[in-house]
């Protein structure tokens, strides 16, 4: 089978202890002491079982070894018939008023059945939040299980879907898998492809590139796409697969790429020179969609497999919660990350031969819709950009499920580009008029300016140019509009406050002594500072500058400060 290189699959470490915090509630006297001994160790064998309230299954009676030692008591089973290994550790509570417990559950052997029973017991116990240990020697021991975190529950559900898929494959092919300690990502990918292949017949999965091994060049048309240029490609990759020591006869498996691009253009020359020499072919997949077709499982055979799968799920539901049984239909592939969503959207732009200035930006996840919304912007080299539309990407499959028409994107890009060019031209005219101290030319350029989608920096530069040319009212209007559009921008807010018109709070108030002091200072020092901007407070000069923008930069706190030009 062809191999995928994209890191969208995760391996699985088996036999990791899953400690479950619990507290012991002694509801009736035990027949034999279970408290830890103060000094000596005592061990005895008992026959008993763990009972979970409202469980759809009954755990069998098993042999248990009970060890009483200084500081703790351990109750451990000797598993039978693939039921999980259980260990209950009891220790005195912090206040010595009772016992606290740790419950550890593990698969008892390297079989799929053991893993199915392990996840079943673990999940049902957590859902019930309590259990009872009942044995001949001890009597009854009641445990209240503390709820686990969402991450731990999600982890057990991830394990559950893997082993239920494997259990179904065992049933269909009549095999028994021997599981390794660690299931590698490549194995996870093969399990998913085989399971989906026999239950769906044909399906697409996510991948940015794919490698075909042992390909005979003479069987290919090297003058056609994707060797002559990017294009479609398909190849029959085999009819059987080895999985955990068992061979599965699957019939012909065809891999189909709607869009493929050779990752090594020089390989074509190599294949032409040695047409009978097997090679490895690696293709870039710009649409991130790789289709598999299992020829033997299409048509009537597909309908048969669907019935078998539904019957298998009902068989599971007889002994476990439905949500656990239905994990068999969940995909093993990891969800599309934000970074992957940007890459898929970027490749979609490239695939549709859109200009380089169209760029995928930071996506927003929509859990309800199960997709990423990736904004598409027109972006210039200096960082200026504007929204054109958005592409929706399925969070599981990576498929582009919704996208604006290409012609619409190009038209919006054209309109936005013209608006940006026009605005930049107007900004240049404003700057030139300010440098020439031509207020009339500045006013004409300002009238032609379209402030739609302009960045906050343009409002700052325009306000500074207006002040430089002496168009103070224009500077006020620009800063007010900028503050309305960007209320959190510090520099625009500062200009808007400084240039805001004075407010009459109460005309009947007595004269402000600070204002009188400021007027007195102006009368005495106007000649000395004529043509300069000054900042006054309580009749004292704080700062003086050649322009208002320079003065604003010099004064940190403008509260109660008069800023004016001496003339």
Protein backbone atom coordinates (compact mmCIF):
# COMPACT_ATOMS: atom_id res chain seq x y z
CA UNK A 1 0.00 0.00 0.00
CA UNK A 2 1.23 3.53 -0.72
CA UNK A 3 2.61 5.50 2.21
CA UNK A 4 1.63 8.99 3.36
CA UNK A 5 4.24 11.42 4.68
CA UNK A 6 2.01 14.08 6.24
CA UNK A 7 1.96 14.04 10.05
CA UNK A 8 -1.80 13.65 10.51
CA UNK A 9 -1.71 10.30 12.32
CA UNK A 10 -0.61 9.59 15.88
CA UNK A 11 0.76 6.40 17.37
CA UNK A 12 -0.62 4.77 20.53
CA UNK A 13 1.29 3.55 23.59
CA UNK A 14 -0.46 0.58 25.14
CA UNK A 15 -0.48 -0.60 28.78
CA UNK A 16 -0.29 2.85 30.37
CA UNK A 17 -1.82 2.64 33.89
CA UNK A 18 -5.02 4.64 34.26
CA UNK A 19 -5.28 5.47 37.98
CA UNK A 20 -8.79 6.44 39.03
CA UNK A 21 -9.08 8.47 42.21
CA UNK A 22 -11.71 7.05 44.57
CA UNK A 23 -12.69 7.27 48.20
CA UNK A 24 -13.77 4.34 50.33
CA UNK A 25 -17.20 4.48 51.96
CA UNK A 26 -17.71 1.58 54.39
CA UNK A 27 -21.50 1.08 54.37
CA UNK A 28 -21.45 -2.18 56.32
CA UNK A 29 -18.92 -4.13 58.35
CA UNK A 30 -16.44 -6.19 56.40
CA UNK A 31 -16.00 -9.79 57.46
CA UNK A 32 -12.23 -9.50 57.62
CA UNK A 33 -10.10 -6.42 58.46
CA UNK A 34 -8.81 -4.61 55.38
CA UNK A 35 -7.00 -1.70 57.07
CA UNK A 36 -3.23 -1.65 56.50
CA UNK A 37 -1.23 -3.43 59.21
CA UNK A 38 1.02 -1.36 61.47
CA UNK A 39 4.06 -3.62 61.10
CA UNK A 40 3.84 -7.06 59.49
CA UNK A 41 2.64 -7.99 55.99
CA UNK A 42 -0.34 -10.33 55.62
CA UNK A 43 -1.48 -11.89 52.36
CA UNK A 44 -4.46 -14.10 51.60
CA UNK A 45 -6.41 -15.32 48.56
CA UNK A 46 -10.08 -14.51 48.06
CA UNK A 47 -12.80 -15.06 45.47
CA UNK A 48 -14.83 -12.04 44.42
CA UNK A 49 -15.80 -9.56 41.73
CA UNK A 50 -16.23 -5.85 40.97
CA UNK A 51 -19.81 -4.65 40.54
CA UNK A 52 -20.66 -1.42 38.67
CA UNK A 53 -24.19 -0.03 39.20
CA UNK A 54 -26.44 0.04 36.11
CA UNK A 55 -23.73 -1.57 34.00
CA UNK A 56 -24.94 -3.37 30.83
CA UNK A 57 -22.45 -6.16 31.58
CA UNK A 58 -21.56 -8.28 34.61
CA UNK A 59 -17.93 -8.84 35.45
CA UNK A 60 -17.19 -12.49 36.26
CA UNK A 61 -16.15 -13.75 39.66
CA UNK A 62 -12.34 -14.03 39.82
CA UNK A 63 -9.52 -14.88 42.18
CA UNK A 64 -8.04 -11.93 44.12
CA UNK A 65 -4.87 -11.58 46.15
CA UNK A 66 -5.29 -9.27 49.17
CA UNK A 67 -2.10 -7.93 50.72
CA UNK A 68 -2.19 -6.01 53.99
CA UNK A 69 1.11 -4.18 54.56
CA UNK A 70 2.31 -1.22 56.61
CA UNK A 71 0.65 1.90 55.22
CA UNK A 72 -1.58 0.27 52.60
CA UNK A 73 -3.72 -2.64 51.51
CA UNK A 74 -3.64 -3.93 47.92
CA UNK A 75 -6.46 -5.93 46.31
CA UNK A 76 -5.37 -7.39 42.96
CA UNK A 77 -7.16 -9.80 40.65
CA UNK A 78 -5.92 -12.72 38.59
CA UNK A 79 -7.71 -11.94 35.31
CA UNK A 80 -9.78 -14.56 33.51
CA UNK A 81 -11.10 -14.66 29.92
CA UNK A 82 -9.45 -11.40 28.78
CA UNK A 83 -11.09 -9.27 31.49
CA UNK A 84 -8.81 -6.42 32.59
CA UNK A 85 -6.20 -6.45 35.30
CA UNK A 86 -7.48 -4.53 38.34
CA UNK A 87 -5.61 -3.23 41.33
CA UNK A 88 -7.25 -1.41 44.25
CA UNK A 89 -4.81 0.34 46.58
CA UNK A 90 -6.21 1.38 49.98
CA UNK A 91 -4.43 3.75 52.35
CA UNK A 92 -5.52 5.74 55.44
CA UNK A 93 -7.12 9.10 54.64
CA UNK A 94 -5.43 12.32 55.67
CA UNK A 95 -7.43 12.60 58.90
CA UNK A 96 -7.17 8.84 59.59
CA UNK A 97 -10.99 8.73 59.55
CA UNK A 98 -11.29 6.21 56.75
CA UNK A 99 -9.59 4.86 53.66
CA UNK A 100 -8.71 6.43 50.33
CA UNK A 101 -8.37 4.30 47.22
CA UNK A 102 -6.61 4.26 43.88
CA UNK A 103 -8.11 2.00 41.24
CA UNK A 104 -5.76 0.97 38.41
CA UNK A 105 -7.13 -0.88 35.39
CA UNK A 106 -4.98 -2.41 32.62
CA UNK A 107 -5.51 -4.74 29.66
CA UNK A 108 -4.56 -8.21 30.81
CA UNK A 109 -3.10 -9.44 27.49
CA UNK A 110 -2.01 -8.34 24.01
CA UNK A 111 -5.30 -9.08 22.27
CA UNK A 112 -8.03 -6.95 20.76
CA UNK A 113 -10.64 -8.59 23.01
CA UNK A 114 -8.65 -7.59 26.10
CA UNK A 115 -8.46 -3.98 24.89
CA UNK A 116 -12.21 -3.88 24.15
CA UNK A 117 -13.01 -5.17 27.65
CA UNK A 118 -10.48 -2.78 29.21
CA UNK A 119 -12.00 0.33 27.60
CA UNK A 120 -15.50 -0.96 28.35
CA UNK A 121 -14.84 -1.42 32.08
CA UNK A 122 -12.89 1.85 32.41
CA UNK A 123 -15.50 3.99 30.65
CA UNK A 124 -18.49 2.37 32.39
CA UNK A 125 -16.85 2.79 35.79
CA UNK A 126 -16.15 6.48 35.19
CA UNK A 127 -19.70 7.02 33.94
CA UNK A 128 -21.20 5.29 37.00
CA UNK A 129 -18.89 7.17 39.43
CA UNK A 130 -19.12 4.32 41.94
CA UNK A 131 -18.51 0.60 42.28
CA UNK A 132 -18.59 -2.21 44.85
CA UNK A 133 -16.01 -4.89 45.49
CA UNK A 134 -17.63 -8.06 46.81
CA UNK A 135 -15.65 -11.09 48.01
CA UNK A 136 -16.07 -14.13 50.22
CA UNK A 137 -13.52 -13.11 52.86
CA UNK A 138 -13.91 -9.32 52.91
CA UNK A 139 -17.61 -8.91 52.26
CA UNK A 140 -18.57 -5.58 50.68
CA UNK A 141 -16.29 -2.65 49.93
CA UNK A 142 -17.97 0.42 48.41
CA UNK A 143 -16.00 2.96 46.42
CA UNK A 144 -17.08 6.37 45.19
CA UNK A 145 -15.15 7.19 42.02
CA UNK A 146 -14.18 10.81 41.45
CA UNK A 147 -14.99 12.08 37.91
CA UNK A 148 -11.99 12.16 35.56
CA UNK A 149 -10.91 15.12 33.42
CA UNK A 150 -12.31 15.53 29.91
CA UNK A 151 -8.85 14.86 28.45
CA UNK A 152 -8.64 11.43 30.12
CA UNK A 153 -12.14 10.49 28.97
CA UNK A 154 -11.29 11.62 25.42
CA UNK A 155 -8.16 9.46 25.53
CA UNK A 156 -10.11 6.34 26.48
CA UNK A 157 -12.64 7.06 23.70
CA UNK A 158 -9.75 7.32 21.22
CA UNK A 159 -8.55 3.89 22.35
CA UNK A 160 -12.09 2.54 22.16
CA UNK A 161 -12.61 3.47 18.51
CA UNK A 162 -9.31 1.88 17.47
CA UNK A 163 -9.94 -1.48 19.14
CA UNK A 164 -13.55 -1.72 18.03
CA UNK A 165 -12.39 -1.23 14.44
CA UNK A 166 -9.82 -3.99 14.95
CA UNK A 167 -12.44 -6.25 16.54
CA UNK A 168 -14.64 -5.81 13.46
CA UNK A 169 -11.70 -6.63 11.15
CA UNK A 170 -11.01 -9.78 13.19
CA UNK A 171 -14.64 -10.84 12.78
CA UNK A 172 -14.78 -10.12 9.02
CA UNK A 173 -11.48 -11.84 8.14
CA UNK A 174 -11.56 -14.58 10.80
CA UNK A 175 -8.17 -13.66 12.28
CA UNK A 176 -6.77 -12.84 15.73
CA UNK A 177 -4.30 -9.95 15.98
CA UNK A 178 -1.35 -9.97 18.35
CA UNK A 179 -0.88 -6.37 19.44
CA UNK A 180 2.55 -4.76 19.96
CA UNK A 181 3.41 -2.59 22.93
CA UNK A 182 3.37 0.50 20.70
CA UNK A 183 1.14 0.93 17.64
CA UNK A 184 2.95 3.23 15.22
CA UNK A 185 1.29 6.03 13.28
CA UNK A 186 1.78 4.15 10.00
CA UNK A 187 -0.13 1.19 11.45
CA UNK A 188 -2.94 3.50 12.59
CA UNK A 189 -3.17 4.82 9.04
CA UNK A 190 -3.37 1.30 7.57
CA UNK A 191 -6.06 0.26 10.05
CA UNK A 192 -8.15 3.29 9.10
CA UNK A 193 -7.74 2.73 5.37
CA UNK A 194 -8.60 -0.98 5.59
CA UNK A 195 -11.62 -0.37 7.84
CA UNK A 196 -12.99 2.42 5.67
CA UNK A 197 -12.18 0.50 2.50
CA UNK A 198 -14.26 -2.56 3.40
CA UNK A 199 -17.13 -0.54 4.93
CA UNK A 200 -17.30 2.33 2.41
CA UNK A 201 -15.83 0.87 -0.78
CA UNK A 202 -14.44 4.21 -1.92
CA UNK A 203 -13.44 7.17 0.24
CA UNK A 204 -11.07 10.13 0.45
CA UNK A 205 -8.62 10.80 3.25
CA UNK A 206 -6.31 13.70 4.02
CA UNK A 207 -2.68 13.94 2.87
CA UNK A 208 -0.33 16.58 1.50
CA UNK A 209 1.88 14.05 -0.27
CA UNK A 210 2.09 10.32 -0.96
CA UNK A 211 4.81 7.85 -1.93
CA UNK A 212 4.30 4.76 -4.10
CA UNK A 213 6.99 2.09 -3.70
CA UNK A 214 8.23 -0.55 -6.16
CA UNK A 215 6.58 1.08 -9.18
CA UNK A 216 7.56 -0.34 -12.61
CA UNK A 217 8.12 2.64 -14.98
CA UNK A 218 7.25 0.64 -18.12
CA UNK A 219 3.67 0.34 -16.85
CA UNK A 220 3.25 4.13 -16.82
CA UNK A 221 2.78 6.76 -19.54
CA UNK A 222 5.67 9.13 -18.85
CA UNK A 223 4.46 11.58 -21.53
CA UNK A 224 1.16 12.22 -19.72
CA UNK A 225 0.29 14.03 -16.46
CA UNK A 226 1.45 14.03 -13.77
CA UNK A 227 4.86 13.38 -15.37
CA UNK A 228 4.56 15.89 -18.22
CA UNK A 229 2.77 18.44 -16.01
CA UNK A 230 0.64 18.44 -12.82
CA UNK A 231 -2.54 16.41 -13.26
CA UNK A 232 -4.48 13.29 -12.20
CA UNK A 233 -2.90 9.95 -11.33
CA UNK A 234 -4.12 6.52 -10.24
CA UNK A 235 -2.39 3.24 -9.47
CA UNK A 236 -3.40 -0.24 -8.26
CA UNK A 237 -1.26 -0.77 -5.18
CA UNK A 238 -2.01 -4.38 -4.17
CA UNK A 239 -4.61 -6.89 -3.09
CA UNK A 240 -3.54 -7.98 0.40
CA UNK A 241 -2.22 -6.34 3.56
CA UNK A 242 -0.32 -7.65 6.57
CA UNK A 243 -1.67 -6.39 9.90
CA UNK A 244 -0.31 -7.52 13.28
CA UNK A 245 0.88 -10.86 11.96
CA UNK A 246 -2.22 -11.68 9.87
CA UNK A 247 -2.65 -11.33 6.10
CA UNK A 248 -5.92 -9.81 4.92
CA UNK A 249 -7.13 -10.52 1.37
CA UNK A 250 -8.67 -7.23 0.24
CA UNK A 251 -8.86 -7.49 -3.55
CA UNK A 252 -7.57 -4.73 -5.82
CA UNK A 253 -6.91 -1.40 -4.07
CA UNK A 254 -6.63 1.66 -6.31
CA UNK A 255 -5.22 4.99 -5.13
CA UNK A 256 -6.64 7.97 -7.02
CA UNK A 257 -5.24 11.51 -7.03
CA UNK A 258 -7.30 14.20 -8.75
CA UNK A 259 -4.37 16.57 -8.50
CA UNK A 260 -0.78 15.30 -8.37
CA UNK A 261 2.58 16.97 -8.85
CA UNK A 262 5.88 15.09 -8.97
CA UNK A 263 8.06 15.89 -5.98
CA UNK A 264 11.18 14.95 -7.98
CA UNK A 265 11.02 16.04 -11.65
CA UNK A 266 14.34 14.26 -12.39
CA UNK A 267 12.72 10.89 -11.65
CA UNK A 268 11.11 10.92 -15.12
CA UNK A 269 14.50 10.80 -16.84
CA UNK A 270 15.61 8.02 -14.50
CA UNK A 271 12.49 5.95 -15.28
CA UNK A 272 12.87 6.49 -19.02
CA UNK A 273 16.47 5.22 -18.90
CA UNK A 274 15.59 2.13 -16.80
CA UNK A 275 11.94 1.28 -17.56
CA UNK A 276 12.04 -2.12 -15.81
CA UNK A 277 13.82 -0.94 -12.66
CA UNK A 278 11.35 -0.49 -9.70
CA UNK A 279 11.33 3.03 -8.26
CA UNK A 280 9.65 5.00 -5.49
CA UNK A 281 7.38 7.81 -6.70
CA UNK A 282 6.52 10.70 -4.44
CA UNK A 283 3.76 13.13 -5.38
CA UNK A 284 2.67 16.42 -3.86
CA UNK A 285 -1.12 16.49 -3.42
CA UNK A 286 -2.17 20.17 -3.55
CA UNK A 287 -5.85 19.53 -2.74
CA UNK A 288 -4.87 17.29 0.23
CA UNK A 289 -7.37 14.63 -0.88
CA UNK A 290 -6.29 11.04 -1.56
CA UNK A 291 -8.98 8.62 -2.70
CA UNK A 292 -8.87 4.86 -2.10
CA UNK A 293 -11.11 2.44 -3.98
CA UNK A 294 -11.50 -1.16 -2.79
CA UNK A 295 -12.91 -2.82 -5.90
CA UNK A 296 -14.13 -5.92 -4.05
CA UNK A 297 -16.23 -3.86 -1.64
CA UNK A 298 -18.27 -1.79 -4.07
CA UNK A 299 -21.89 -2.55 -4.98
CA UNK A 300 -23.56 -5.56 -3.37
CA UNK A 301 -20.52 -6.36 -1.24
CA UNK A 302 -20.60 -2.83 0.16
CA UNK A 303 -24.23 -3.25 1.20
CA UNK A 304 -23.34 -6.55 2.89
CA UNK A 305 -20.49 -4.91 4.83
CA UNK A 306 -22.76 -2.06 5.98
CA UNK A 307 -25.25 -4.62 7.35
CA UNK A 308 -22.47 -6.53 9.09
CA UNK A 309 -21.12 -3.33 10.64
CA UNK A 310 -24.54 -2.31 11.95
CA UNK A 311 -25.08 -5.79 13.41
CA UNK A 312 -21.65 -5.61 15.05
CA UNK A 313 -22.47 -2.23 16.62
CA UNK A 314 -25.72 -3.66 18.01
CA UNK A 315 -23.75 -6.58 19.40
CA UNK A 316 -21.45 -4.12 21.20
CA UNK A 317 -24.36 -2.02 22.49
CA UNK A 318 -25.75 -5.12 24.22
CA UNK A 319 -22.76 -5.03 26.60
CA UNK A 320 -21.66 -1.38 26.68
CA UNK A 321 -22.96 2.21 26.50
CA UNK A 322 -24.07 3.16 22.95
CA UNK A 323 -21.68 6.13 22.78
CA UNK A 324 -18.80 3.73 23.38
CA UNK A 325 -19.94 1.27 20.72
CA UNK A 326 -20.51 4.04 18.16
CA UNK A 327 -16.90 5.24 18.43
CA UNK A 328 -16.21 2.60 15.76
CA UNK A 329 -17.50 5.12 13.20
CA UNK A 330 -15.17 7.92 14.38
CA UNK A 331 -12.08 8.63 12.27
CA UNK A 332 -8.63 7.76 13.64
CA UNK A 333 -6.96 10.60 11.74
CA UNK A 334 -6.19 13.69 13.83
CA UNK A 335 -8.28 16.83 13.43
CA UNK A 336 -7.07 19.54 11.08
CA UNK A 337 -5.00 22.05 13.06
CA UNK A 338 -5.09 25.80 12.51
CA UNK A 339 -1.70 25.62 10.77
CA UNK A 340 -2.90 22.82 8.50
CA UNK A 341 -6.07 24.75 7.67
CA UNK A 342 -3.95 27.71 6.51
CA UNK A 343 -1.77 25.37 4.43
CA UNK A 344 -4.78 23.68 2.81
CA UNK A 345 -6.34 27.05 1.98
CA UNK A 346 -3.00 28.30 0.60
CA UNK A 347 -2.68 25.21 -1.60
CA UNK A 348 -6.28 25.75 -2.77
CA UNK A 349 -5.29 29.26 -3.91
CA UNK A 350 -2.25 27.89 -5.72
CA UNK A 351 -4.26 25.05 -7.29
CA UNK A 352 -6.69 27.60 -8.74
CA UNK A 353 -3.77 29.70 -10.04
CA UNK A 354 -4.77 32.78 -8.07
CA UNK A 355 -2.30 35.69 -7.72
CA UNK A 356 0.38 35.54 -5.04
CA UNK A 357 -1.11 38.58 -3.30
CA UNK A 358 -4.12 36.49 -2.27
CA UNK A 359 -3.19 34.92 1.05
CA UNK A 360 -4.83 32.65 3.66
CA UNK A 361 -4.95 34.27 7.10
CA UNK A 362 -5.53 33.07 10.69
CA UNK A 363 -8.57 30.74 10.68
CA UNK A 364 -11.52 30.65 13.09
CA UNK A 365 -12.83 27.28 14.23
CA UNK A 366 -16.57 26.54 14.05
CA UNK A 367 -17.17 23.48 16.24
CA UNK A 368 -20.90 23.42 15.53
CA UNK A 369 -20.32 23.27 11.77
CA UNK A 370 -17.23 21.05 12.12
CA UNK A 371 -15.02 23.28 10.02
CA UNK A 372 -12.41 26.03 9.94
CA UNK A 373 -13.30 29.40 8.40
CA UNK A 374 -10.10 30.61 6.71
CA UNK A 375 -10.15 34.29 5.63
CA UNK A 376 -8.65 35.07 2.23
CA UNK A 377 -7.01 38.52 2.07
CA UNK A 378 -5.40 40.63 -0.59
CA UNK A 379 -1.98 41.33 0.95
CA UNK A 380 0.71 43.83 -0.10
CA UNK A 381 4.43 43.55 0.67
CA UNK A 382 4.23 46.32 3.29
CA UNK A 383 1.63 44.33 5.24
CA UNK A 384 -1.47 46.22 4.12
CA UNK A 385 -4.34 43.83 3.44
CA UNK A 386 -8.09 43.53 3.06
CA UNK A 387 -10.67 40.73 3.28
CA UNK A 388 -11.96 39.17 0.05
CA UNK A 389 -13.84 36.13 1.34
CA UNK A 390 -13.30 32.90 3.24
CA UNK A 391 -12.75 29.21 2.58
CA UNK A 392 -14.37 26.52 4.78
CA UNK A 393 -12.31 23.41 5.54
CA UNK A 394 -13.73 20.26 7.13
CA UNK A 395 -12.03 19.75 10.49
CA UNK A 396 -11.81 15.97 9.99
CA UNK A 397 -11.23 15.34 6.30
CA UNK A 398 -9.41 18.56 5.36
CA UNK A 399 -11.70 18.93 2.36
CA UNK A 400 -12.55 22.43 1.12
CA UNK A 401 -16.32 22.27 1.65
CA UNK A 402 -17.14 25.85 0.71
CA UNK A 403 -15.27 28.52 -1.24
CA UNK A 404 -16.17 31.71 -3.09
CA UNK A 405 -16.29 31.52 -6.91
CA UNK A 406 -12.90 32.26 -8.44
CA UNK A 407 -14.31 35.06 -10.63
CA UNK A 408 -15.85 36.72 -7.56
CA UNK A 409 -12.54 36.58 -5.70
CA UNK A 410 -10.67 38.09 -8.61
CA UNK A 411 -13.26 40.86 -9.02
CA UNK A 412 -13.17 41.72 -5.31
CA UNK A 413 -9.38 41.70 -5.44
CA UNK A 414 -9.45 44.09 -8.42
CA UNK A 415 -11.85 46.51 -6.68
CA UNK A 416 -9.93 46.40 -3.40
CA UNK A 417 -6.61 46.85 -5.19
CA UNK A 418 -7.91 49.95 -7.00
CA UNK A 419 -9.20 51.35 -3.71
CA UNK A 420 -5.86 50.76 -2.01
CA UNK A 421 -3.91 52.32 -4.90
CA UNK A 422 -6.26 55.33 -4.90
CA UNK A 423 -5.93 55.73 -1.12
CA UNK A 424 -2.14 55.53 -1.32
CA UNK A 425 -2.15 58.17 -4.05
CA UNK A 426 -4.31 60.43 -1.86
CA UNK A 427 -2.03 59.87 1.14
CA UNK A 428 0.96 60.86 -1.00
CA UNK A 429 -0.89 64.04 -2.08
CA UNK A 430 -1.68 64.85 1.59
CA UNK A 431 1.97 64.45 2.54
CA UNK A 432 3.19 66.54 -0.40
CA UNK A 433 0.69 69.32 0.39
CA UNK A 434 1.79 69.34 4.03
CA UNK A 435 5.47 69.54 3.07
CA UNK A 436 4.65 72.42 0.71
CA UNK A 437 2.44 74.11 3.38
CA UNK A 438 -0.33 74.20 0.74
CA UNK A 439 -3.58 74.03 2.73
CA UNK A 440 -5.77 74.28 -0.40
CA UNK A 441 -4.04 71.32 -2.05
CA UNK A 442 -4.31 69.43 1.23
CA UNK A 443 -8.07 70.10 1.35
CA UNK A 444 -8.52 68.86 -2.25
CA UNK A 445 -6.62 65.65 -1.54
CA UNK A 446 -8.60 65.08 1.66
CA UNK A 447 -11.90 65.37 -0.23
CA UNK A 448 -10.79 62.66 -2.65
CA UNK A 449 -9.75 60.30 0.17
CA UNK A 450 -11.79 57.12 0.76
CA UNK A 451 -11.27 55.99 4.35
CA UNK A 452 -12.92 52.57 3.84
CA UNK A 453 -10.68 49.75 5.14
CA UNK A 454 -7.76 52.13 5.75
CA UNK A 455 -5.35 51.03 8.50
CA UNK A 456 -5.05 53.11 11.70
CA UNK A 457 -1.59 54.33 10.69
CA UNK A 458 -3.12 56.26 7.76
CA UNK A 459 -5.35 58.23 10.14
CA UNK A 460 -2.33 59.10 12.29
CA UNK A 461 -0.23 60.20 9.30
CA UNK A 462 -3.12 62.20 7.84
CA UNK A 463 -3.78 63.97 11.16
CA UNK A 464 -0.08 64.82 11.45
CA UNK A 465 -0.05 66.19 7.89
CA UNK A 466 -3.16 68.27 8.61
CA UNK A 467 -1.50 69.80 11.67
CA UNK A 468 1.67 70.46 9.71
CA UNK A 469 -0.25 72.42 7.09
CA UNK A 470 -2.31 74.24 9.73
CA UNK A 471 -5.61 72.52 8.90
CA UNK A 472 -6.58 72.05 12.53
CA UNK A 473 -10.28 71.38 11.95
CA UNK A 474 -9.37 68.76 9.34
CA UNK A 475 -6.99 67.17 11.84
CA UNK A 476 -9.83 67.01 14.35
CA UNK A 477 -12.21 65.37 11.86
CA UNK A 478 -9.56 62.83 10.80
CA UNK A 479 -8.75 61.87 14.40
CA UNK A 480 -12.45 61.61 15.29
CA UNK A 481 -13.11 59.29 12.35
CA UNK A 482 -10.02 57.24 13.21
CA UNK A 483 -11.10 56.91 16.85
CA UNK A 484 -14.56 55.78 15.73
CA UNK A 485 -13.10 53.05 13.52
CA UNK A 486 -10.28 52.06 15.89
CA UNK A 487 -11.44 52.86 19.44
CA UNK A 488 -8.59 50.85 21.04
CA UNK A 489 -5.75 52.46 19.08
CA UNK A 490 -3.70 54.45 21.60
CA UNK A 491 -2.13 57.02 19.25
CA UNK A 492 -5.37 57.84 17.44
CA UNK A 493 -7.13 58.14 20.80
CA UNK A 494 -4.50 60.59 22.01
CA UNK A 495 -4.94 62.84 18.96
CA UNK A 496 -8.73 62.65 19.27
CA UNK A 497 -8.60 63.77 22.92
CA UNK A 498 -6.14 66.60 22.30
CA UNK A 499 -7.96 67.94 19.23
CA UNK A 500 -11.48 67.54 20.65
CA UNK A 501 -13.45 70.81 20.86
CA UNK A 502 -13.80 72.38 24.31
CA UNK A 503 -16.94 71.46 26.26
CA UNK A 504 -18.98 73.90 28.35
CA UNK A 505 -20.06 71.96 31.43
CA UNK A 506 -21.83 74.80 33.27
CA UNK A 507 -21.70 78.43 32.16
CA UNK A 508 -22.68 79.52 35.65
CA UNK A 509 -19.50 78.14 37.23
CA UNK A 510 -17.01 80.69 38.54
CA UNK A 511 -13.95 81.37 36.36
CA UNK A 512 -11.32 78.61 36.38
CA UNK A 513 -8.19 80.06 38.02
CA UNK A 514 -6.03 77.67 35.97
CA UNK A 515 -7.40 79.09 32.72
CA UNK A 516 -6.78 82.63 33.94
CA UNK A 517 -3.22 81.68 34.84
CA UNK A 518 -2.69 80.13 31.40
CA UNK A 519 -4.03 83.29 29.65
CA UNK A 520 -1.69 85.43 31.76
CA UNK A 521 1.28 83.26 30.72
CA UNK A 522 0.29 83.61 27.05
CA UNK A 523 0.17 87.42 27.28
CA UNK A 524 3.59 87.57 28.89
CA UNK A 525 5.40 84.98 26.68
CA UNK A 526 3.67 85.04 23.25
CA UNK A 527 6.49 86.98 21.58
CA UNK A 528 9.06 84.58 22.97
CA UNK A 529 7.26 81.44 21.68
CA UNK A 530 5.43 82.85 18.64
CA UNK A 531 4.75 80.16 16.01
CA UNK A 532 5.43 77.32 18.44
CA UNK A 533 3.05 74.91 20.12
CA UNK A 534 3.03 75.09 23.91
CA UNK A 535 1.60 72.92 26.69
CA UNK A 536 0.45 74.87 29.77
CA UNK A 537 -0.89 73.77 33.15
CA UNK A 538 -1.73 76.06 36.07
CA UNK A 539 0.01 78.96 34.30
CA UNK A 540 3.26 77.00 33.91
CA UNK A 541 4.97 75.91 30.69
CA UNK A 542 5.34 72.13 30.49
CA UNK A 543 6.76 71.72 26.98
CA UNK A 544 7.16 73.62 23.70
CA UNK A 545 7.50 72.17 20.17
CA UNK A 546 7.38 73.13 16.51
CA UNK A 547 4.25 71.04 15.85
CA UNK A 548 1.33 69.61 17.72
CA UNK A 549 2.39 66.02 17.01
CA UNK A 550 5.81 66.72 18.53
CA UNK A 551 4.15 68.30 21.56
CA UNK A 552 1.80 65.32 22.00
CA UNK A 553 4.82 63.02 22.07
CA UNK A 554 6.48 65.14 24.78
CA UNK A 555 3.50 65.26 27.16
CA UNK A 556 2.65 61.92 28.77
CA UNK A 557 -0.39 63.03 30.78
CA UNK A 558 -2.67 65.56 29.04
CA UNK A 559 -5.15 65.83 31.93
CA UNK A 560 -5.81 69.53 32.64
CA UNK A 561 -3.21 70.56 30.05
CA UNK A 562 -3.83 73.34 27.53
CA UNK A 563 -2.14 72.77 24.17
CA UNK A 564 -2.19 75.72 21.85
CA UNK A 565 -0.09 77.71 19.39
CA UNK A 566 1.45 80.97 20.47
CA UNK A 567 0.55 83.60 17.83
